[in-house]
Amino acid sequence: MWQVQFTKRADKDFSKLTPEIRKRIDKAIEEKLLTNPDKYLVGLVGELSDLYKFRVGDYRLLCSKDGQRLIIHVVKVAHRKEVYH
């Protein structure tokens, strides 16, 4: 079973979101990311090519994936206009 872990930065980003957005992201993680990450994680290109994005409405979670230990590390959470900066 996959696990999701937030880095300190991602946890800080997440805590700044409204309760409604946090609830929506939590639900998407449980229903989509934990059940089938390969379907919902999209690889990035360029400088961020070692990361994946997970889309939840207008928000993005930037993640790395450890397939051997079945852990997804969330490194950043932000609005789609700000997440890649």
PDB file of N, CA and C in Angstrom:
ATOM      1  N   MET A   1       0.846  -1.194   0.000  1.00  0.00           N
ATOM      2  CA  MET A   1       0.000   0.000   0.000  1.00  0.00           C
ATOM      3  C   MET A   1       0.884   1.249   0.000  1.00  0.00           C
ATOM      4  N   TRP A   2       0.571   2.167  -0.853  1.00  0.00           N
ATOM      5  CA  TRP A   2       1.319   3.418  -0.951  1.00  0.00           C
ATOM      6  C   TRP A   2       1.063   4.304   0.264  1.00  0.00           C
ATOM      7  N   GLN A   3       2.072   5.101   0.601  1.00  0.00           N
ATOM      8  CA  GLN A   3       1.967   6.103   1.663  1.00  0.00           C
ATOM      9  C   GLN A   3       2.334   7.453   1.080  1.00  0.00           C
ATOM     10  N   VAL A   4       1.777   8.514   1.650  1.00  0.00           N
ATOM     11  CA  VAL A   4       2.118   9.875   1.240  1.00  0.00           C
ATOM     12  C   VAL A   4       2.738  10.584   2.432  1.00  0.00           C
ATOM     13  N   GLN A   5       3.908  11.193   2.200  1.00  0.00           N
ATOM     14  CA  GLN A   5       4.580  11.964   3.239  1.00  0.00           C
ATOM     15  C   GLN A   5       4.821  13.374   2.719  1.00  0.00           C
ATOM     16  N   PHE A   6       4.541  14.365   3.556  1.00  0.00           N
ATOM     17  CA  PHE A   6       4.762  15.760   3.207  1.00  0.00           C
ATOM     18  C   PHE A   6       6.099  16.220   3.783  1.00  0.00           C
ATOM     19  N   THR A   7       6.889  16.937   2.978  1.00  0.00           N
ATOM     20  CA  THR A   7       8.089  17.569   3.511  1.00  0.00           C
ATOM     21  C   THR A   7       7.660  18.744   4.387  1.00  0.00           C
ATOM     22  N   LYS A   8       8.604  19.315   5.122  1.00  0.00           N
ATOM     23  CA  LYS A   8       8.271  20.471   5.967  1.00  0.00           C
ATOM     24  C   LYS A   8       7.723  21.620   5.130  1.00  0.00           C
ATOM     25  N   ARG A   9       8.342  21.855   3.976  1.00  0.00           N
ATOM     26  CA  ARG A   9       7.882  22.944   3.105  1.00  0.00           C
ATOM     27  C   ARG A   9       6.466  22.677   2.607  1.00  0.00           C
ATOM     28  N   ALA A  10       6.210  21.454   2.162  1.00  0.00           N
ATOM     29  CA  ALA A  10       4.878  21.114   1.656  1.00  0.00           C
ATOM     30  C   ALA A  10       3.842  21.201   2.768  1.00  0.00           C
ATOM     31  N   ASP A  11       4.223  20.791   3.965  1.00  0.00           N
ATOM     32  CA  ASP A  11       3.311  20.874   5.104  1.00  0.00           C
ATOM     33  C   ASP A  11       2.975  22.332   5.408  1.00  0.00           C
ATOM     34  N   LYS A  12       3.974  23.200   5.309  1.00  0.00           N
ATOM     35  CA  LYS A  12       3.753  24.637   5.526  1.00  0.00           C
ATOM     36  C   LYS A  12       2.846  25.204   4.433  1.00  0.00           C
ATOM     37  N   ASP A  13       3.117  24.839   3.182  1.00  0.00           N
ATOM     38  CA  ASP A  13       2.267  25.273   2.062  1.00  0.00           C
ATOM     39  C   ASP A  13       0.825  24.825   2.282  1.00  0.00           C
ATOM     40  N   PHE A  14       0.663  23.571   2.672  1.00  0.00           N
ATOM     41  CA  PHE A  14      -0.662  22.978   2.868  1.00  0.00           C
ATOM     42  C   PHE A  14      -1.425  23.692   3.979  1.00  0.00           C
ATOM     43  N   SER A  15      -0.730  24.038   5.054  1.00  0.00           N
ATOM     44  CA  SER A  15      -1.392  24.685   6.196  1.00  0.00           C
ATOM     45  C   SER A  15      -1.897  26.086   5.866  1.00  0.00           C
ATOM     46  N   LYS A  16      -1.342  26.712   4.840  1.00  0.00           N
ATOM     47  CA  LYS A  16      -1.763  28.059   4.440  1.00  0.00           C
ATOM     48  C   LYS A  16      -3.031  28.053   3.584  1.00  0.00           C
ATOM     49  N   LEU A  17      -3.432  26.891   3.111  1.00  0.00           N
ATOM     50  CA  LEU A  17      -4.618  26.797   2.257  1.00  0.00           C
ATOM     51  C   LEU A  17      -5.883  26.883   3.098  1.00  0.00           C
ATOM     52  N   THR A  18      -6.981  27.224   2.445  1.00  0.00           N
ATOM     53  CA  THR A  18      -8.265  27.285   3.152  1.00  0.00           C
ATOM     54  C   THR A  18      -8.693  25.872   3.547  1.00  0.00           C
ATOM     55  N   PRO A  19      -9.524  25.746   4.571  1.00  0.00           N
ATOM     56  CA  PRO A  19      -9.984  24.413   4.986  1.00  0.00           C
ATOM     57  C   PRO A  19     -10.681  23.639   3.866  1.00  0.00           C
ATOM     58  N   GLU A  20     -11.418  24.337   3.012  1.00  0.00           N
ATOM     59  CA  GLU A  20     -12.113  23.665   1.912  1.00  0.00           C
ATOM     60  C   GLU A  20     -11.125  23.045   0.929  1.00  0.00           C
ATOM     61  N   ILE A  21     -10.076  23.789   0.601  1.00  0.00           N
ATOM     62  CA  ILE A  21      -9.069  23.287  -0.348  1.00  0.00           C
ATOM     63  C   ILE A  21      -8.305  22.118   0.282  1.00  0.00           C
ATOM     64  N   ARG A  22      -7.950  22.244   1.551  1.00  0.00           N
ATOM     65  CA  ARG A  22      -7.232  21.161   2.233  1.00  0.00           C
ATOM     66  C   ARG A  22      -8.066  19.879   2.236  1.00  0.00           C
ATOM     67  N   LYS A  23      -9.353  20.018   2.496  1.00  0.00           N
ATOM     68  CA  LYS A  23     -10.246  18.854   2.510  1.00  0.00           C
ATOM     69  C   LYS A  23     -10.320  18.218   1.119  1.00  0.00           C
ATOM     70  N   ARG A  24     -10.393  19.055   0.103  1.00  0.00           N
ATOM     71  CA  ARG A  24     -10.462  18.563  -1.281  1.00  0.00           C
ATOM     72  C   ARG A  24      -9.178  17.810  -1.660  1.00  0.00           C
ATOM     73  N   ILE A  25      -8.031  18.355  -1.244  1.00  0.00           N
ATOM     74  CA  ILE A  25      -6.750  17.706  -1.530  1.00  0.00           C
ATOM     75  C   ILE A  25      -6.646  16.383  -0.775  1.00  0.00           C
ATOM     76  N   ASP A  26      -7.027  16.375   0.502  1.00  0.00           N
ATOM     77  CA  ASP A  26      -7.004  15.132   1.289  1.00  0.00           C
ATOM     78  C   ASP A  26      -7.849  14.047   0.631  1.00  0.00           C
ATOM     79  N   LYS A  27      -9.031  14.431   0.177  1.00  0.00           N
ATOM     80  CA  LYS A  27      -9.934  13.475  -0.466  1.00  0.00           C
ATOM     81  C   LYS A  27      -9.320  12.927  -1.757  1.00  0.00           C
ATOM     82  N   ALA A  28      -8.712  13.810  -2.559  1.00  0.00           N
ATOM     83  CA  ALA A  28      -8.089  13.380  -3.814  1.00  0.00           C
ATOM     84  C   ALA A  28      -6.905  12.454  -3.556  1.00  0.00           C
ATOM     85  N   ILE A  29      -6.139  12.740  -2.517  1.00  0.00           N
ATOM     86  CA  ILE A  29      -5.016  11.864  -2.172  1.00  0.00           C
ATOM     87  C   ILE A  29      -5.534  10.474  -1.818  1.00  0.00           C
ATOM     88  N   GLU A  30      -6.547  10.411  -0.976  1.00  0.00           N
ATOM     89  CA  GLU A  30      -7.095   9.117  -0.556  1.00  0.00           C
ATOM     90  C   GLU A  30      -7.729   8.345  -1.706  1.00  0.00           C
ATOM     91  N   GLU A  31      -8.540   9.034  -2.515  1.00  0.00           N
ATOM     92  CA  GLU A  31      -9.303   8.344  -3.556  1.00  0.00           C
ATOM     93  C   GLU A  31      -8.515   8.066  -4.826  1.00  0.00           C
ATOM     94  N   LYS A  32      -7.514   8.876  -5.112  1.00  0.00           N
ATOM     95  CA  LYS A  32      -6.790   8.720  -6.374  1.00  0.00           C
ATOM     96  C   LYS A  32      -5.333   8.328  -6.176  1.00  0.00           C
ATOM     97  N   LEU A  33      -4.598   9.180  -5.479  1.00  0.00           N
ATOM     98  CA  LEU A  33      -3.149   9.005  -5.400  1.00  0.00           C
ATOM     99  C   LEU A  33      -2.750   7.717  -4.686  1.00  0.00           C
ATOM    100  N   LEU A  34      -3.408   7.395  -3.596  1.00  0.00           N
ATOM    101  CA  LEU A  34      -3.045   6.191  -2.845  1.00  0.00           C
ATOM    102  C   LEU A  34      -3.494   4.908  -3.529  1.00  0.00           C
ATOM    103  N   THR A  35      -4.515   4.988  -4.358  1.00  0.00           N
ATOM    104  CA  THR A  35      -5.017   3.787  -5.015  1.00  0.00           C
ATOM    105  C   THR A  35      -4.266   3.456  -6.298  1.00  0.00           C
ATOM    106  N   ASN A  36      -3.892   4.478  -7.076  1.00  0.00           N
ATOM    107  CA  ASN A  36      -3.226   4.237  -8.351  1.00  0.00           C
ATOM    108  C   ASN A  36      -2.348   5.436  -8.728  1.00  0.00           C
ATOM    109  N   PRO A  37      -1.204   5.597  -8.080  1.00  0.00           N
ATOM    110  CA  PRO A  37      -0.382   6.780  -8.332  1.00  0.00           C
ATOM    111  C   PRO A  37       0.115   6.891  -9.774  1.00  0.00           C
ATOM    112  N   ASP A  38       0.388   5.770 -10.415  1.00  0.00           N
ATOM    113  CA  ASP A  38       0.897   5.826 -11.789  1.00  0.00           C
ATOM    114  C   ASP A  38      -0.115   6.431 -12.756  1.00  0.00           C
ATOM    115  N   LYS A  39      -1.375   6.311 -12.445  1.00  0.00           N
ATOM    116  CA  LYS A  39      -2.420   6.877 -13.299  1.00  0.00           C
ATOM    117  C   LYS A  39      -2.522   8.392 -13.126  1.00  0.00           C
ATOM    118  N   TYR A  40      -2.272   8.887 -11.921  1.00  0.00           N
ATOM    119  CA  TYR A  40      -2.533  10.294 -11.625  1.00  0.00           C
ATOM    120  C   TYR A  40      -1.287  11.171 -11.516  1.00  0.00           C
ATOM    121  N   LEU A  41      -0.114  10.587 -11.377  1.00  0.00           N
ATOM    122  CA  LEU A  41       1.113  11.380 -11.334  1.00  0.00           C
ATOM    123  C   LEU A  41       1.629  11.584 -12.748  1.00  0.00           C
ATOM    124  N   VAL A  42       1.908  12.830 -13.092  1.00  0.00           N
ATOM    125  CA  VAL A  42       2.411  13.174 -14.425  1.00  0.00           C
ATOM    126  C   VAL A  42       3.835  13.688 -14.276  1.00  0.00           C
ATOM    127  N   GLY A  43       4.762  13.099 -15.012  1.00  0.00           N
ATOM    128  CA  GLY A  43       6.160  13.505 -14.946  1.00  0.00           C
ATOM    129  C   GLY A  43       6.372  14.904 -15.494  1.00  0.00           C
ATOM    130  N   LEU A  44       7.283  15.632 -14.857  1.00  0.00           N
ATOM    131  CA  LEU A  44       7.612  16.985 -15.297  1.00  0.00           C
ATOM    132  C   LEU A  44       8.852  16.945 -16.177  1.00  0.00           C
ATOM    133  N   VAL A  45       9.128  18.052 -16.852  1.00  0.00           N
ATOM    134  CA  VAL A  45      10.284  18.140 -17.742  1.00  0.00           C
ATOM    135  C   VAL A  45      11.181  19.296 -17.306  1.00  0.00           C
ATOM    136  N   GLY A  46      12.352  19.383 -17.916  1.00  0.00           N
ATOM    137  CA  GLY A  46      13.266  20.481 -17.617  1.00  0.00           C
ATOM    138  C   GLY A  46      13.925  20.323 -16.259  1.00  0.00           C
ATOM    139  N   GLU A  47      14.059  21.431 -15.547  1.00  0.00           N
ATOM    140  CA  GLU A  47      14.733  21.427 -14.248  1.00  0.00           C
ATOM    141  C   GLU A  47      14.006  20.579 -13.209  1.00  0.00           C
ATOM    142  N   LEU A  48      12.720  20.365 -13.408  1.00  0.00           N
ATOM    143  CA  LEU A  48      11.920  19.599 -12.446  1.00  0.00           C
ATOM    144  C   LEU A  48      11.663  18.167 -12.915  1.00  0.00           C
ATOM    145  N   SER A  49      12.512  17.661 -13.803  1.00  0.00           N
ATOM    146  CA  SER A  49      12.255  16.361 -14.426  1.00  0.00           C
ATOM    147  C   SER A  49      12.293  15.187 -13.446  1.00  0.00           C
ATOM    148  N   ASP A  50      12.832  15.393 -12.256  1.00  0.00           N
ATOM    149  CA  ASP A  50      12.849  14.317 -11.268  1.00  0.00           C
ATOM    150  C   ASP A  50      11.582  14.295 -10.411  1.00  0.00           C
ATOM    151  N   LEU A  51      10.634  15.208 -10.712  1.00  0.00           N
ATOM    152  CA  LEU A  51       9.400  15.314  -9.939  1.00  0.00           C
ATOM    153  C   LEU A  51       8.176  14.983 -10.786  1.00  0.00           C
ATOM    154  N   TYR A  52       7.070  14.788 -10.090  1.00  0.00           N
ATOM    155  CA  TYR A  52       5.773  14.548 -10.714  1.00  0.00           C
ATOM    156  C   TYR A  52       4.790  15.590 -10.204  1.00  0.00           C
ATOM    157  N   LYS A  53       3.730  15.824 -10.983  1.00  0.00           N
ATOM    158  CA  LYS A  53       2.663  16.696 -10.497  1.00  0.00           C
ATOM    159  C   LYS A  53       1.409  15.866 -10.291  1.00  0.00           C
ATOM    160  N   PHE A  54       0.649  16.276  -9.285  1.00  0.00           N
ATOM    161  CA  PHE A  54      -0.654  15.684  -9.012  1.00  0.00           C
ATOM    162  C   PHE A  54      -1.635  16.838  -8.992  1.00  0.00           C
ATOM    163  N   ARG A  55      -2.609  16.802  -9.875  1.00  0.00           N
ATOM    164  CA  ARG A  55      -3.545  17.907 -10.073  1.00  0.00           C
ATOM    165  C   ARG A  55      -4.794  17.708  -9.227  1.00  0.00           C
ATOM    166  N   VAL A  56      -5.141  18.775  -8.483  1.00  0.00           N
ATOM    167  CA  VAL A  56      -6.388  18.798  -7.718  1.00  0.00           C
ATOM    168  C   VAL A  56      -7.033  20.150  -7.997  1.00  0.00           C
ATOM    169  N   GLY A  57      -7.920  20.196  -8.985  1.00  0.00           N
ATOM    170  CA  GLY A  57      -8.530  21.464  -9.379  1.00  0.00           C
ATOM    171  C   GLY A  57      -7.466  22.428  -9.873  1.00  0.00           C
ATOM    172  N   ASP A  58      -7.421  23.625  -9.293  1.00  0.00           N
ATOM    173  CA  ASP A  58      -6.428  24.628  -9.673  1.00  0.00           C
ATOM    174  C   ASP A  58      -5.134  24.500  -8.879  1.00  0.00           C
ATOM    175  N   TYR A  59      -5.032  23.498  -8.041  1.00  0.00           N
ATOM    176  CA  TYR A  59      -3.844  23.313  -7.208  1.00  0.00           C
ATOM    177  C   TYR A  59      -3.025  22.132  -7.690  1.00  0.00           C
ATOM    178  N   ARG A  60      -1.710  22.211  -7.440  1.00  0.00           N
ATOM    179  CA  ARG A  60      -0.796  21.155  -7.837  1.00  0.00           C
ATOM    180  C   ARG A  60       0.042  20.737  -6.641  1.00  0.00           C
ATOM    181  N   LEU A  61       0.284  19.455  -6.544  1.00  0.00           N
ATOM    182  CA  LEU A  61       1.216  18.911  -5.577  1.00  0.00           C
ATOM    183  C   LEU A  61       2.407  18.407  -6.369  1.00  0.00           C
ATOM    184  N   LEU A  62       3.596  18.899  -6.056  1.00  0.00           N
ATOM    185  CA  LEU A  62       4.806  18.397  -6.683  1.00  0.00           C
ATOM    186  C   LEU A  62       5.342  17.282  -5.800  1.00  0.00           C
ATOM    187  N   CYS A  63       5.624  16.141  -6.426  1.00  0.00           N
ATOM    188  CA  CYS A  63       5.957  14.939  -5.660  1.00  0.00           C
ATOM    189  C   CYS A  63       7.162  14.220  -6.250  1.00  0.00           C
ATOM    190  N   SER A  64       7.823  13.455  -5.398  1.00  0.00           N
ATOM    191  CA  SER A  64       8.784  12.460  -5.856  1.00  0.00           C
ATOM    192  C   SER A  64       8.223  11.104  -5.441  1.00  0.00           C
ATOM    193  N   LYS A  65       8.689  10.061  -6.099  1.00  0.00           N
ATOM    194  CA  LYS A  65       8.102   8.741  -5.867  1.00  0.00           C
ATOM    195  C   LYS A  65       9.206   7.725  -5.596  1.00  0.00           C
ATOM    196  N   ASP A  66       9.069   6.989  -4.518  1.00  0.00           N
ATOM    197  CA  ASP A  66       9.986   5.907  -4.174  1.00  0.00           C
ATOM    198  C   ASP A  66       9.235   4.594  -4.377  1.00  0.00           C
ATOM    199  N   GLY A  67       9.407   4.002  -5.542  1.00  0.00           N
ATOM    200  CA  GLY A  67       8.664   2.803  -5.898  1.00  0.00           C
ATOM    201  C   GLY A  67       9.037   1.573  -5.093  1.00  0.00           C
ATOM    202  N   GLN A  68      10.268   1.511  -4.598  1.00  0.00           N
ATOM    203  CA  GLN A  68      10.685   0.353  -3.808  1.00  0.00           C
ATOM    204  C   GLN A  68      10.033   0.343  -2.432  1.00  0.00           C
ATOM    205  N   ARG A  69       9.928   1.523  -1.819  1.00  0.00           N
ATOM    206  CA  ARG A  69       9.340   1.615  -0.476  1.00  0.00           C
ATOM    207  C   ARG A  69       7.870   2.020  -0.520  1.00  0.00           C
ATOM    208  N   LEU A  70       7.335   2.259  -1.719  1.00  0.00           N
ATOM    209  CA  LEU A  70       5.932   2.654  -1.915  1.00  0.00           C
ATOM    210  C   LEU A  70       5.580   3.927  -1.145  1.00  0.00           C
ATOM    211  N   ILE A  71       6.443   4.935  -1.303  1.00  0.00           N
ATOM    212  CA  ILE A  71       6.227   6.223  -0.641  1.00  0.00           C
ATOM    213  C   ILE A  71       6.213   7.331  -1.690  1.00  0.00           C
ATOM    214  N   ILE A  72       5.240   8.227  -1.567  1.00  0.00           N
ATOM    215  CA  ILE A  72       5.179   9.427  -2.394  1.00  0.00           C
ATOM    216  C   ILE A  72       5.500  10.600  -1.479  1.00  0.00           C
ATOM    217  N   HIS A  73       6.552  11.350  -1.814  1.00  0.00           N
ATOM    218  CA  HIS A  73       6.969  12.506  -1.026  1.00  0.00           C
ATOM    219  C   HIS A  73       6.417  13.764  -1.685  1.00  0.00           C
ATOM    220  N   VAL A  74       5.553  14.480  -0.995  1.00  0.00           N
ATOM    221  CA  VAL A  74       5.036  15.749  -1.501  1.00  0.00           C
ATOM    222  C   VAL A  74       6.024  16.828  -1.087  1.00  0.00           C
ATOM    223  N   VAL A  75       6.589  17.547  -2.079  1.00  0.00           N
ATOM    224  CA  VAL A  75       7.604  18.552  -1.776  1.00  0.00           C
ATOM    225  C   VAL A  75       7.082  19.981  -1.859  1.00  0.00           C
ATOM    226  N   LYS A  76       5.957  20.185  -2.557  1.00  0.00           N
ATOM    227  CA  LYS A  76       5.397  21.532  -2.669  1.00  0.00           C
ATOM    228  C   LYS A  76       3.911  21.441  -2.991  1.00  0.00           C
ATOM    229  N   VAL A  77       3.132  22.371  -2.423  1.00  0.00           N
ATOM    230  CA  VAL A  77       1.700  22.470  -2.694  1.00  0.00           C
ATOM    231  C   VAL A  77       1.406  23.933  -2.980  1.00  0.00           C
ATOM    232  N   ALA A  78       0.818  24.225  -4.148  1.00  0.00           N
ATOM    233  CA  ALA A  78       0.523  25.619  -4.488  1.00  0.00           C
ATOM    234  C   ALA A  78      -0.483  25.685  -5.631  1.00  0.00           C
ATOM    235  N   HIS A  79      -0.993  26.893  -5.846  1.00  0.00           N
ATOM    236  CA  HIS A  79      -1.872  27.155  -6.978  1.00  0.00           C
ATOM    237  C   HIS A  79      -1.083  26.929  -8.261  1.00  0.00           C
ATOM    238  N   ARG A  80      -1.752  26.535  -9.307  1.00  0.00           N
ATOM    239  CA  ARG A  80      -1.069  26.202 -10.566  1.00  0.00           C
ATOM    240  C   ARG A  80      -0.263  27.359 -11.138  1.00  0.00           C
ATOM    241  N   LYS A  81      -0.639  28.596 -10.832  1.00  0.00           N
ATOM    242  CA  LYS A  81       0.100  29.758 -11.341  1.00  0.00           C
ATOM    243  C   LYS A  81       1.400  29.992 -10.579  1.00  0.00           C
ATOM    244  N   GLU A  82       1.519  29.414  -9.386  1.00  0.00           N
ATOM    245  CA  GLU A  82       2.677  29.677  -8.532  1.00  0.00           C
ATOM    246  C   GLU A  82       3.567  28.463  -8.291  1.00  0.00           C
ATOM    247  N   VAL A  83       3.083  27.286  -8.575  1.00  0.00           N
ATOM    248  CA  VAL A  83       3.764  26.074  -8.131  1.00  0.00           C
ATOM    249  C   VAL A  83       5.119  25.838  -8.792  1.00  0.00           C
ATOM    250  N   TYR A  84       5.327  26.282 -10.009  1.00  0.00           N
ATOM    251  CA  TYR A  84       6.564  25.977 -10.724  1.00  0.00           C
ATOM    252  C   TYR A  84       7.624  27.057 -10.569  1.00  0.00           C
ATOM    253  N   HIS A  85       7.389  28.049  -9.731  1.00  0.00           N
ATOM    254  CA  HIS A  85       8.350  29.145  -9.534  1.00  0.00           C
ATOM    255  C   HIS A  85       9.205  28.888  -8.328  1.00  0.00           C
TER     256      HIS A  85
END
